[in-house]
Amino acid sequence: MPLTKSFLHHRASDFTPDRDWRFLFGGFLILTIIILSASAYLYRVINSLEIVSQARMVAVTPLRLDQLGLDKAVIYLGEKENRFETLLATPPPIVDPAR
């Protein structure tokens, strides 16, 4: 008897929902255990790295700001505030298509 014929022709007693549900539940249970184990392993590996530990922290020098850069930022923000106030006072002429 060819393999395809035996595979396609089953008796009604071969299909048991109880067995199918046990198979699905067991598969998901095994998959969940594998994923949880891998997650726990990765958590332990990442937590033990020296990058995460506090002992190897290097002191970072603070960023120094120059007066010229601060003046440029103040001027830029002032111009932006002026444009905002202008738009609030005179909104752009947009035609509402609903009217």
PDB file of N, CA and C in Angstrom:
ATOM      1  N   MET A   1       0.855  -1.178   0.000  1.00  0.00           N
ATOM      2  CA  MET A   1       0.000   0.000   0.000  1.00  0.00           C
ATOM      3  C   MET A   1       0.904   1.244   0.000  1.00  0.00           C
ATOM      4  N   PRO A   2       0.694   2.176  -0.920  1.00  0.00           N
ATOM      5  CA  PRO A   2       1.524   3.376  -0.981  1.00  0.00           C
ATOM      6  C   PRO A   2       1.327   4.246   0.266  1.00  0.00           C
ATOM      7  N   LEU A   3       2.333   5.033   0.533  1.00  0.00           N
ATOM      8  CA  LEU A   3       2.318   5.889   1.715  1.00  0.00           C
ATOM      9  C   LEU A   3       1.206   6.933   1.645  1.00  0.00           C
ATOM     10  N   THR A   4       0.978   7.526   0.483  1.00  0.00           N
ATOM     11  CA  THR A   4      -0.050   8.558   0.352  1.00  0.00           C
ATOM     12  C   THR A   4      -1.437   7.986   0.583  1.00  0.00           C
ATOM     13  N   LYS A   5      -1.651   6.790   0.140  1.00  0.00           N
ATOM     14  CA  LYS A   5      -2.972   6.201   0.314  1.00  0.00           C
ATOM     15  C   LYS A   5      -3.241   5.913   1.789  1.00  0.00           C
ATOM     16  N   SER A   6      -2.262   5.388   2.490  1.00  0.00           N
ATOM     17  CA  SER A   6      -2.452   5.103   3.913  1.00  0.00           C
ATOM     18  C   SER A   6      -2.540   6.394   4.724  1.00  0.00           C
ATOM     19  N   PHE A   7      -1.896   7.438   4.258  1.00  0.00           N
ATOM     20  CA  PHE A   7      -1.936   8.713   4.978  1.00  0.00           C
ATOM     21  C   PHE A   7      -3.274   9.423   4.786  1.00  0.00           C
ATOM     22  N   LEU A   8      -3.829   9.319   3.594  1.00  0.00           N
ATOM     23  CA  LEU A   8      -5.066  10.043   3.301  1.00  0.00           C
ATOM     24  C   LEU A   8      -6.311   9.315   3.783  1.00  0.00           C
ATOM     25  N   HIS A   9      -6.268   8.025   3.897  1.00  0.00           N
ATOM     26  CA  HIS A   9      -7.445   7.258   4.288  1.00  0.00           C
ATOM     27  C   HIS A   9      -7.309   6.792   5.727  1.00  0.00           C
ATOM     28  N   HIS A  10      -8.047   7.441   6.620  1.00  0.00           N
ATOM     29  CA  HIS A  10      -8.021   7.091   8.038  1.00  0.00           C
ATOM     30  C   HIS A  10      -9.396   6.591   8.448  1.00  0.00           C
ATOM     31  N   ARG A  11      -9.402   5.810   9.464  1.00  0.00           N
ATOM     32  CA  ARG A  11     -10.670   5.399  10.042  1.00  0.00           C
ATOM     33  C   ARG A  11     -11.155   6.499  10.974  1.00  0.00           C
ATOM     34  N   ALA A  12     -12.429   6.527  11.252  1.00  0.00           N
ATOM     35  CA  ALA A  12     -13.011   7.538  12.140  1.00  0.00           C
ATOM     36  C   ALA A  12     -12.455   7.409  13.548  1.00  0.00           C
ATOM     37  N   SER A  13     -12.050   6.216  13.946  1.00  0.00           N
ATOM     38  CA  SER A  13     -11.527   6.027  15.304  1.00  0.00           C
ATOM     39  C   SER A  13     -10.119   6.593  15.461  1.00  0.00           C
ATOM     40  N   ASP A  14      -9.428   6.919  14.337  1.00  0.00           N
ATOM     41  CA  ASP A  14      -8.086   7.497  14.426  1.00  0.00           C
ATOM     42  C   ASP A  14      -8.107   8.947  14.889  1.00  0.00           C
ATOM     43  N   PHE A  15      -9.207   9.641  14.716  1.00  0.00           N
ATOM     44  CA  PHE A  15      -9.306  11.038  15.099  1.00  0.00           C
ATOM     45  C   PHE A  15      -9.935  11.127  16.483  1.00  0.00           C
ATOM     46  N   THR A  16      -9.103  11.416  17.468  1.00  0.00           N
ATOM     47  CA  THR A  16      -9.613  11.538  18.830  1.00  0.00           C
ATOM     48  C   THR A  16      -9.261  12.933  19.337  1.00  0.00           C
ATOM     49  N   PRO A  17     -10.254  13.754  19.633  1.00  0.00           N
ATOM     50  CA  PRO A  17      -9.986  15.113  20.105  1.00  0.00           C
ATOM     51  C   PRO A  17      -9.191  15.132  21.404  1.00  0.00           C
ATOM     52  N   ASP A  18      -9.408  14.165  22.259  1.00  0.00           N
ATOM     53  CA  ASP A  18      -8.688  14.124  23.530  1.00  0.00           C
ATOM     54  C   ASP A  18      -7.180  14.013  23.294  1.00  0.00           C
ATOM     55  N   ARG A  19      -6.794  13.116  22.383  1.00  0.00           N
ATOM     56  CA  ARG A  19      -5.372  12.958  22.064  1.00  0.00           C
ATOM     57  C   ARG A  19      -4.815  14.221  21.416  1.00  0.00           C
ATOM     58  N   ASP A  20      -5.589  14.831  20.529  1.00  0.00           N
ATOM     59  CA  ASP A  20      -5.134  16.042  19.848  1.00  0.00           C
ATOM     60  C   ASP A  20      -4.923  17.189  20.836  1.00  0.00           C
ATOM     61  N   TRP A  21      -5.849  17.361  21.772  1.00  0.00           N
ATOM     62  CA  TRP A  21      -5.713  18.442  22.749  1.00  0.00           C
ATOM     63  C   TRP A  21      -4.539  18.196  23.686  1.00  0.00           C
ATOM     64  N   ARG A  22      -4.334  16.925  24.067  1.00  0.00           N
ATOM     65  CA  ARG A  22      -3.167  16.609  24.905  1.00  0.00           C
ATOM     66  C   ARG A  22      -1.876  16.907  24.160  1.00  0.00           C
ATOM     67  N   PHE A  23      -1.833  16.586  22.868  1.00  0.00           N
ATOM     68  CA  PHE A  23      -0.650  16.863  22.053  1.00  0.00           C
ATOM     69  C   PHE A  23      -0.389  18.370  21.975  1.00  0.00           C
ATOM     70  N   LEU A  24      -1.431  19.166  21.709  1.00  0.00           N
ATOM     71  CA  LEU A  24      -1.272  20.614  21.638  1.00  0.00           C
ATOM     72  C   LEU A  24      -0.842  21.193  22.980  1.00  0.00           C
ATOM     73  N   PHE A  25      -1.498  20.764  24.052  1.00  0.00           N
ATOM     74  CA  PHE A  25      -1.165  21.277  25.377  1.00  0.00           C
ATOM     75  C   PHE A  25       0.271  20.910  25.750  1.00  0.00           C
ATOM     76  N   GLY A  26       0.656  19.665  25.481  1.00  0.00           N
ATOM     77  CA  GLY A  26       2.026  19.244  25.776  1.00  0.00           C
ATOM     78  C   GLY A  26       3.048  20.013  24.970  1.00  0.00           C
ATOM     79  N   GLY A  27       2.750  20.265  23.695  1.00  0.00           N
ATOM     80  CA  GLY A  27       3.666  21.043  22.856  1.00  0.00           C
ATOM     81  C   GLY A  27       3.843  22.456  23.360  1.00  0.00           C
ATOM     82  N   PHE A  28       2.728  23.098  23.713  1.00  0.00           N
ATOM     83  CA  PHE A  28       2.827  24.462  24.235  1.00  0.00           C
ATOM     84  C   PHE A  28       3.524  24.491  25.585  1.00  0.00           C
ATOM     85  N   LEU A  29       3.315  23.478  26.404  1.00  0.00           N
ATOM     86  CA  LEU A  29       3.971  23.415  27.702  1.00  0.00           C
ATOM     87  C   LEU A  29       5.481  23.272  27.532  1.00  0.00           C
ATOM     88  N   ILE A  30       5.895  22.393  26.629  1.00  0.00           N
ATOM     89  CA  ILE A  30       7.326  22.220  26.373  1.00  0.00           C
ATOM     90  C   ILE A  30       7.924  23.497  25.794  1.00  0.00           C
ATOM     91  N   LEU A  31       7.224  24.130  24.871  1.00  0.00           N
ATOM     92  CA  LEU A  31       7.703  25.375  24.283  1.00  0.00           C
ATOM     93  C   LEU A  31       7.834  26.473  25.338  1.00  0.00           C
ATOM     94  N   THR A  32       6.867  26.550  26.236  1.00  0.00           N
ATOM     95  CA  THR A  32       6.914  27.549  27.306  1.00  0.00           C
ATOM     96  C   THR A  32       8.097  27.298  28.232  1.00  0.00           C
ATOM     97  N   ILE A  33       8.339  26.051  28.574  1.00  0.00           N
ATOM     98  CA  ILE A  33       9.476  25.728  29.447  1.00  0.00           C
ATOM     99  C   ILE A  33      10.795  26.073  28.770  1.00  0.00           C
ATOM    100  N   ILE A  34      10.909  25.801  27.480  1.00  0.00           N
ATOM    101  CA  ILE A  34      12.133  26.137  26.744  1.00  0.00           C
ATOM    102  C   ILE A  34      12.346  27.645  26.722  1.00  0.00           C
ATOM    103  N   ILE A  35      11.299  28.411  26.443  1.00  0.00           N
ATOM    104  CA  ILE A  35      11.419  29.873  26.371  1.00  0.00           C
ATOM    105  C   ILE A  35      11.765  30.449  27.740  1.00  0.00           C
ATOM    106  N   LEU A  36      11.121  29.965  28.798  1.00  0.00           N
ATOM    107  CA  LEU A  36      11.434  30.454  30.142  1.00  0.00           C
ATOM    108  C   LEU A  36      12.863  30.114  30.550  1.00  0.00           C
ATOM    109  N   SER A  37      13.319  28.931  30.195  1.00  0.00           N
ATOM    110  CA  SER A  37      14.698  28.545  30.516  1.00  0.00           C
ATOM    111  C   SER A  37      15.698  29.432  29.772  1.00  0.00           C
ATOM    112  N   ALA A  38      15.449  29.678  28.502  1.00  0.00           N
ATOM    113  CA  ALA A  38      16.347  30.535  27.723  1.00  0.00           C
ATOM    114  C   ALA A  38      16.341  31.956  28.263  1.00  0.00           C
ATOM    115  N   SER A  39      15.174  32.444  28.667  1.00  0.00           N
ATOM    116  CA  SER A  39      15.085  33.798  29.222  1.00  0.00           C
ATOM    117  C   SER A  39      15.849  33.897  30.538  1.00  0.00           C
ATOM    118  N   ALA A  40      15.709  32.904  31.397  1.00  0.00           N
ATOM    119  CA  ALA A  40      16.429  32.910  32.670  1.00  0.00           C
ATOM    120  C   ALA A  40      17.935  32.841  32.438  1.00  0.00           C
ATOM    121  N   TYR A  41      18.357  32.025  31.484  1.00  0.00           N
ATOM    122  CA  TYR A  41      19.781  31.921  31.173  1.00  0.00           C
ATOM    123  C   TYR A  41      20.331  33.257  30.669  1.00  0.00           C
ATOM    124  N   LEU A  42      19.636  33.875  29.721  1.00  0.00           N
ATOM    125  CA  LEU A  42      20.099  35.167  29.194  1.00  0.00           C
ATOM    126  C   LEU A  42      20.110  36.240  30.274  1.00  0.00           C
ATOM    127  N   TYR A  43      19.124  36.217  31.165  1.00  0.00           N
ATOM    128  CA  TYR A  43      19.082  37.183  32.254  1.00  0.00           C
ATOM    129  C   TYR A  43      20.317  37.032  33.145  1.00  0.00           C
ATOM    130  N   ARG A  44      20.666  35.801  33.477  1.00  0.00           N
ATOM    131  CA  ARG A  44      21.825  35.576  34.334  1.00  0.00           C
ATOM    132  C   ARG A  44      23.108  35.985  33.634  1.00  0.00           C
ATOM    133  N   VAL A  45      23.237  35.687  32.335  1.00  0.00           N
ATOM    134  CA  VAL A  45      24.448  36.040  31.593  1.00  0.00           C
ATOM    135  C   VAL A  45      24.593  37.557  31.501  1.00  0.00           C
ATOM    136  N   ILE A  46      23.518  38.236  31.146  1.00  0.00           N
ATOM    137  CA  ILE A  46      23.580  39.687  30.998  1.00  0.00           C
ATOM    138  C   ILE A  46      23.809  40.364  32.350  1.00  0.00           C
ATOM    139  N   ASN A  47      23.216  39.828  33.382  1.00  0.00           N
ATOM    140  CA  ASN A  47      23.369  40.422  34.711  1.00  0.00           C
ATOM    141  C   ASN A  47      24.785  40.253  35.241  1.00  0.00           C
ATOM    142  N   SER A  48      25.502  39.224  34.802  1.00  0.00           N
ATOM    143  CA  SER A  48      26.850  38.988  35.312  1.00  0.00           C
ATOM    144  C   SER A  48      27.924  39.690  34.484  1.00  0.00           C
ATOM    145  N   LEU A  49      27.578  40.328  33.418  1.00  0.00           N
ATOM    146  CA  LEU A  49      28.566  41.023  32.591  1.00  0.00           C
ATOM    147  C   LEU A  49      29.150  42.212  33.343  1.00  0.00           C
ATOM    148  N   GLU A  50      30.391  42.531  33.010  1.00  0.00           N
ATOM    149  CA  GLU A  50      31.048  43.652  33.676  1.00  0.00           C
ATOM    150  C   GLU A  50      30.513  44.990  33.190  1.00  0.00           C
ATOM    151  N   ILE A  51      29.864  44.993  32.058  1.00  0.00           N
ATOM    152  CA  ILE A  51      29.284  46.237  31.548  1.00  0.00           C
ATOM    153  C   ILE A  51      28.207  46.732  32.506  1.00  0.00           C
ATOM    154  N   VAL A  52      27.468  45.798  33.082  1.00  0.00           N
ATOM    155  CA  VAL A  52      26.360  46.153  33.944  1.00  0.00           C
ATOM    156  C   VAL A  52      26.831  46.479  35.361  1.00  0.00           C
ATOM    157  N   SER A  53      27.942  45.904  35.782  1.00  0.00           N
ATOM    158  CA  SER A  53      28.374  46.075  37.167  1.00  0.00           C
ATOM    159  C   SER A  53      28.772  47.518  37.448  1.00  0.00           C
ATOM    160  N   GLN A  54      28.584  47.924  38.668  1.00  0.00           N
ATOM    161  CA  GLN A  54      28.853  49.301  39.080  1.00  0.00           C
ATOM    162  C   GLN A  54      30.342  49.540  39.332  1.00  0.00           C
ATOM    163  N   ALA A  55      31.112  48.486  39.569  1.00  0.00           N
ATOM    164  CA  ALA A  55      32.519  48.642  39.945  1.00  0.00           C
ATOM    165  C   ALA A  55      33.363  49.189  38.808  1.00  0.00           C
ATOM    166  N   ARG A  56      33.014  48.914  37.581  1.00  0.00           N
ATOM    167  CA  ARG A  56      33.834  49.327  36.444  1.00  0.00           C
ATOM    168  C   ARG A  56      33.361  50.616  35.784  1.00  0.00           C
ATOM    169  N   MET A  57      32.513  51.361  36.455  1.00  0.00           N
ATOM    170  CA  MET A  57      32.002  52.613  35.883  1.00  0.00           C
ATOM    171  C   MET A  57      33.151  53.620  35.759  1.00  0.00           C
ATOM    172  N   VAL A  58      33.224  54.285  34.630  1.00  0.00           N
ATOM    173  CA  VAL A  58      34.256  55.275  34.375  1.00  0.00           C
ATOM    174  C   VAL A  58      33.643  56.659  34.534  1.00  0.00           C
ATOM    175  N   ALA A  59      34.370  57.532  35.201  1.00  0.00           N
ATOM    176  CA  ALA A  59      33.868  58.895  35.394  1.00  0.00           C
ATOM    177  C   ALA A  59      33.852  59.623  34.058  1.00  0.00           C
ATOM    178  N   VAL A  60      32.759  60.266  33.769  1.00  0.00           N
ATOM    179  CA  VAL A  60      32.595  60.991  32.515  1.00  0.00           C
ATOM    180  C   VAL A  60      32.819  62.469  32.785  1.00  0.00           C
ATOM    181  N   THR A  61      33.603  63.097  31.929  1.00  0.00           N
ATOM    182  CA  THR A  61      33.828  64.533  32.108  1.00  0.00           C
ATOM    183  C   THR A  61      32.598  65.291  31.639  1.00  0.00           C
ATOM    184  N   PRO A  62      32.206  66.297  32.387  1.00  0.00           N
ATOM    185  CA  PRO A  62      31.008  67.047  31.993  1.00  0.00           C
ATOM    186  C   PRO A  62      31.243  67.841  30.707  1.00  0.00           C
ATOM    187  N   LEU A  63      30.176  68.033  29.984  1.00  0.00           N
ATOM    188  CA  LEU A  63      30.237  68.789  28.740  1.00  0.00           C
ATOM    189  C   LEU A  63      30.358  70.273  29.063  1.00  0.00           C
ATOM    190  N   ARG A  64      31.303  70.925  28.451  1.00  0.00           N
ATOM    191  CA  ARG A  64      31.498  72.358  28.698  1.00  0.00           C
ATOM    192  C   ARG A  64      30.758  73.160  27.623  1.00  0.00           C
ATOM    193  N   LEU A  65      30.069  74.168  28.072  1.00  0.00           N
ATOM    194  CA  LEU A  65      29.329  75.032  27.166  1.00  0.00           C
ATOM    195  C   LEU A  65      30.089  76.339  26.989  1.00  0.00           C
ATOM    196  N   ASP A  66      30.115  76.824  25.769  1.00  0.00           N
ATOM    197  CA  ASP A  66      30.760  78.103  25.533  1.00  0.00           C
ATOM    198  C   ASP A  66      29.703  79.197  25.413  1.00  0.00           C
ATOM    199  N   GLN A  67      30.099  80.422  25.642  1.00  0.00           N
ATOM    200  CA  GLN A  67      29.181  81.555  25.641  1.00  0.00           C
ATOM    201  C   GLN A  67      28.571  81.776  24.260  1.00  0.00           C
ATOM    202  N   LEU A  68      29.351  81.582  23.216  1.00  0.00           N
ATOM    203  CA  LEU A  68      28.858  81.795  21.856  1.00  0.00           C
ATOM    204  C   LEU A  68      27.722  80.814  21.533  1.00  0.00           C
ATOM    205  N   GLY A  69      27.882  79.551  21.900  1.00  0.00           N
ATOM    206  CA  GLY A  69      26.832  78.568  21.661  1.00  0.00           C
ATOM    207  C   GLY A  69      25.568  78.887  22.426  1.00  0.00           C
ATOM    208  N   LEU A  70      25.719  79.341  23.661  1.00  0.00           N
ATOM    209  CA  LEU A  70      24.547  79.721  24.458  1.00  0.00           C
ATOM    210  C   LEU A  70      23.839  80.926  23.853  1.00  0.00           C
ATOM    211  N   ASP A  71      24.612  81.892  23.387  1.00  0.00           N
ATOM    212  CA  ASP A  71      24.002  83.087  22.771  1.00  0.00           C
ATOM    213  C   ASP A  71      23.227  82.704  21.502  1.00  0.00           C
ATOM    214  N   LYS A  72      23.784  81.796  20.698  1.00  0.00           N
ATOM    215  CA  LYS A  72      23.089  81.352  19.488  1.00  0.00           C
ATOM    216  C   LYS A  72      21.785  80.646  19.842  1.00  0.00           C
ATOM    217  N   ALA A  73      21.808  79.834  20.889  1.00  0.00           N
ATOM    218  CA  ALA A  73      20.601  79.117  21.300  1.00  0.00           C
ATOM    219  C   ALA A  73      19.537  80.086  21.793  1.00  0.00           C
ATOM    220  N   VAL A  74      19.937  81.107  22.548  1.00  0.00           N
ATOM    221  CA  VAL A  74      18.975  82.090  23.059  1.00  0.00           C
ATOM    222  C   VAL A  74      18.362  82.874  21.898  1.00  0.00           C
ATOM    223  N   ILE A  75      19.178  83.265  20.927  1.00  0.00           N
ATOM    224  CA  ILE A  75      18.670  84.002  19.767  1.00  0.00           C
ATOM    225  C   ILE A  75      17.694  83.125  18.969  1.00  0.00           C
ATOM    226  N   TYR A  76      18.048  81.861  18.745  1.00  0.00           N
ATOM    227  CA  TYR A  76      17.195  80.942  17.991  1.00  0.00           C
ATOM    228  C   TYR A  76      15.851  80.758  18.695  1.00  0.00           C
ATOM    229  N   LEU A  77      15.892  80.546  20.004  1.00  0.00           N
ATOM    230  CA  LEU A  77      14.643  80.350  20.739  1.00  0.00           C
ATOM    231  C   LEU A  77      13.802  81.625  20.771  1.00  0.00           C
ATOM    232  N   GLY A  78      14.455  82.792  20.816  1.00  0.00           N
ATOM    233  CA  GLY A  78      13.712  84.051  20.765  1.00  0.00           C
ATOM    234  C   GLY A  78      13.001  84.228  19.424  1.00  0.00           C
ATOM    235  N   GLU A  79      13.709  83.909  18.334  1.00  0.00           N
ATOM    236  CA  GLU A  79      13.082  84.009  17.011  1.00  0.00           C
ATOM    237  C   GLU A  79      11.925  83.018  16.874  1.00  0.00           C
ATOM    238  N   LYS A  80      12.102  81.838  17.420  1.00  0.00           N
ATOM    239  CA  LYS A  80      11.051  80.839  17.364  1.00  0.00           C
ATOM    240  C   LYS A  80       9.828  81.294  18.152  1.00  0.00           C
ATOM    241  N   GLU A  81      10.053  81.915  19.289  1.00  0.00           N
ATOM    242  CA  GLU A  81       8.938  82.429  20.089  1.00  0.00           C
ATOM    243  C   GLU A  81       8.213  83.553  19.343  1.00  0.00           C
ATOM    244  N   ASN A  82       8.974  84.423  18.668  1.00  0.00           N
ATOM    245  CA  ASN A  82       8.352  85.500  17.895  1.00  0.00           C
ATOM    246  C   ASN A  82       7.491  84.954  16.759  1.00  0.00           C
ATOM    247  N   ARG A  83       7.991  83.919  16.058  1.00  0.00           N
ATOM    248  CA  ARG A  83       7.204  83.320  14.984  1.00  0.00           C
ATOM    249  C   ARG A  83       5.927  82.669  15.532  1.00  0.00           C
ATOM    250  N   PHE A  84       6.043  82.045  16.693  1.00  0.00           N
ATOM    251  CA  PHE A  84       4.880  81.417  17.305  1.00  0.00           C
ATOM    252  C   PHE A  84       3.834  82.457  17.677  1.00  0.00           C
ATOM    253  N   GLU A  85       4.271  83.548  18.274  1.00  0.00           N
ATOM    254  CA  GLU A  85       3.340  84.619  18.651  1.00  0.00           C
ATOM    255  C   GLU A  85       2.685  85.236  17.419  1.00  0.00           C
ATOM    256  N   THR A  86       3.443  85.371  16.330  1.00  0.00           N
ATOM    257  CA  THR A  86       2.893  85.918  15.090  1.00  0.00           C
ATOM    258  C   THR A  86       1.819  84.992  14.529  1.00  0.00           C
ATOM    259  N   LEU A  87       2.057  83.692  14.552  1.00  0.00           N
ATOM    260  CA  LEU A  87       1.071  82.742  14.066  1.00  0.00           C
ATOM    261  C   LEU A  87      -0.180  82.725  14.941  1.00  0.00           C
ATOM    262  N   LEU A  88      -0.011  82.927  16.239  1.00  0.00           N
ATOM    263  CA  LEU A  88      -1.179  82.979  17.120  1.00  0.00           C
ATOM    264  C   LEU A  88      -2.022  84.222  16.846  1.00  0.00           C
ATOM    265  N   ALA A  89      -1.359  85.358  16.573  1.00  0.00           N
ATOM    266  CA  ALA A  89      -2.072  86.613  16.345  1.00  0.00           C
ATOM    267  C   ALA A  89      -2.765  86.623  14.987  1.00  0.00           C
ATOM    268  N   THR A  90      -2.094  86.140  13.964  1.00  0.00           N
ATOM    269  CA  THR A  90      -2.669  86.127  12.618  1.00  0.00           C
ATOM    270  C   THR A  90      -2.547  84.710  12.055  1.00  0.00           C
ATOM    271  N   PRO A  91      -3.581  83.902  12.206  1.00  0.00           N
ATOM    272  CA  PRO A  91      -3.501  82.530  11.696  1.00  0.00           C
ATOM    273  C   PRO A  91      -3.385  82.530  10.174  1.00  0.00           C
ATOM    274  N   PRO A  92      -2.787  81.517   9.611  1.00  0.00           N
ATOM    275  CA  PRO A  92      -2.613  81.452   8.160  1.00  0.00           C
ATOM    276  C   PRO A  92      -3.971  81.326   7.459  1.00  0.00           C
ATOM    277  N   PRO A  93      -4.089  81.890   6.261  1.00  0.00           N
ATOM    278  CA  PRO A  93      -5.357  81.858   5.537  1.00  0.00           C
ATOM    279  C   PRO A  93      -5.600  80.478   4.902  1.00  0.00           C
ATOM    280  N   ILE A  94      -6.250  79.617   5.631  1.00  0.00           N
ATOM    281  CA  ILE A  94      -6.571  78.278   5.125  1.00  0.00           C
ATOM    282  C   ILE A  94      -8.082  78.219   4.901  1.00  0.00           C
ATOM    283  N   VAL A  95      -8.472  77.751   3.728  1.00  0.00           N
ATOM    284  CA  VAL A  95      -9.881  77.648   3.389  1.00  0.00           C
ATOM    285  C   VAL A  95     -10.399  76.319   3.906  1.00  0.00           C
ATOM    286  N   ASP A  96     -11.510  76.369   4.650  1.00  0.00           N
ATOM    287  CA  ASP A  96     -12.128  75.164   5.171  1.00  0.00           C
ATOM    288  C   ASP A  96     -13.026  74.570   4.108  1.00  0.00           C
ATOM    289  N   PRO A  97     -12.765  73.380   3.608  1.00  0.00           N
ATOM    290  CA  PRO A  97     -13.571  72.811   2.534  1.00  0.00           C
ATOM    291  C   PRO A  97     -14.988  72.434   2.989  1.00  0.00           C
ATOM    292  N   ALA A  98     -15.236  72.341   4.284  1.00  0.00           N
ATOM    293  CA  ALA A  98     -16.549  71.983   4.775  1.00  0.00           C
ATOM    294  C   ALA A  98     -17.529  73.155   4.729  1.00  0.00           C
ATOM    295  N   ARG A  99     -17.016  74.358   4.590  1.00  0.00           N
ATOM    296  CA  ARG A  99     -17.918  75.524   4.604  1.00  0.00           C
ATOM    297  C   ARG A  99     -18.276  75.972   3.237  1.00  0.00           C
TER     298      ARG A  99
END
